[in-house]
Amino acid sequence: MRTSTTAIAAATLALIAGTGGAGAAAPASENPATSSPVLAAAPAATTAEPAYLTLLFGRTQWAAADRLCKPLPNVVTLGRVAVLMKDRGRSGVGNVVVKRHGVTQSCFSNYVISPSWNDLTQLRTQFGWSFTSAGMQYLDMTKLTPTQQHAEACGSVGALARRGHTRAWGLFAYPNNKISDKIQSQVVKKCFAFGRVYGNAFTSKTAGTAWPNWQTTVSVNGGRCADTTQDCSTKPYGTTYMTPAQLIPKVRVTPGSWSTLQFYRFVTGTSSPGTAMQWNCTGPENTHWTSDAEMYRVRDFVRVLDAIPSTVTVSDPATIATAWGVAPSS
C-alpha cells in the first residue's frame, strides 16, 4: 500500500515523540516524464529491476558465552563481524529484542552476551547498520491477545525510534517463526512494511508487494557436518551445517528479487574441551560442524560475503519497502 509523503513523515515524527505510532521512510521522488521536442522520439530504455540482498542477524547477539556468561574461547564478536563487513563495503541489519538491551552488555539465559544500547548505536553510526524488530520481549505472537500483540510488535517500533533506530518499520521478525495471516494483516501491518517468514527462496517483487506483505528469510544454521562420509555427520544435532557452497547461490540474486540470509553467532577454529558448546571449523567446509544451530564459522561467512556480485544491492528492509512501494497500513 502506498501512503503519502506527508502521512509517512507524520507517522515517523509520532514514533520519535513516543506516541507508539508506526513510521516509514518517505518514498523515492518520482520525476514526471517530459515530452520530446522531436517528432520521432526514440523508445524509452528499459531498466531491469534491482536485485536486493539483506544480511540479517538474529536477535543481534554479541557473542556466545559459557554458563558463567563469559565469552567462550574462539568466539568472534558481532563487533568484529561488523569490521569484516565494513572492510568489504557491507553493512548488516540486526533484529532487536528491545528488553534484552541495557546500559551495559548483559547475559541472556547463560548462553549469549547481548550488546548494550551504545553498542547498537555504534553499529549504526560507525558501520552503517540498521535495526528491525523481533518484539519487545520475543513473545509467541500466536498466544497473545490483539492488544498484547500490538504492544509486543508495534510498541517496539517507537522504543527503537526513540533511541535513534528509525528504520525498524521495514520488517517484523516474528519470534520463533510463530506467524499467521490474521496477525500480520490486522496487527503487524499497522506498523511494519513486511513480516518475516522462514523459507529457502528469494522474495519476488510480486510476492513481496502482495498483501499482507510476507518476505522470506533463510535461517543460516550450523549443526552436524554436511559430509555424510564423516563421523561428524552423525552427531546428534537437529540441523546440518549450511556450507558456503550452499549459501553462495542465495546471494546471486536475480533482478526483481530480494534474498535475505539470517546469521546469529560466530566462531573460529575449534572449541575448548568441556565447554557447553562445541565446534570444529578446521578442514574442508563440508566437515565443519557446531553443536548449536545458531553458531557459524566466521571465515565461511566471509566467503559468502566475498561472493556477492556487484549487480546485487545489499540493503535493509526499509529501503526495499520504499523502492517497492510497501508501507505500514496506518
Foldseek 3Di string as FASTA:
>chain_A
DFDAQVVQVVQLVCLLVPVLAAHAHHFDDDDDDDDDPDDDDDDDDDDFFFEAEAEEAEQQFFAWAFQVRHHFPQWHGVVVLLVLQVVVVAAHEYAHQQQCEAQQWDDDPSTTIHGHLVVVVCSCPVRVYAYAYQFNHLDQLVPDDLVVNQCGHSVVQSVCVNSVRNLRQLEHEHRPQNDDLCCLQPHSLRHHQEYEHEDDDWAALVNQPDPPRYGYEHEQWFAFFQPPVDPSNVPPAPDYHQFLVNCLVQLAGDTRTYYYYYAYIEGAAWGDPPTPKTWHCDDDRRRTGIRGTRYDYSVRVSVSVVSRDPSYHYDDSSVVCSVSSTGRPD
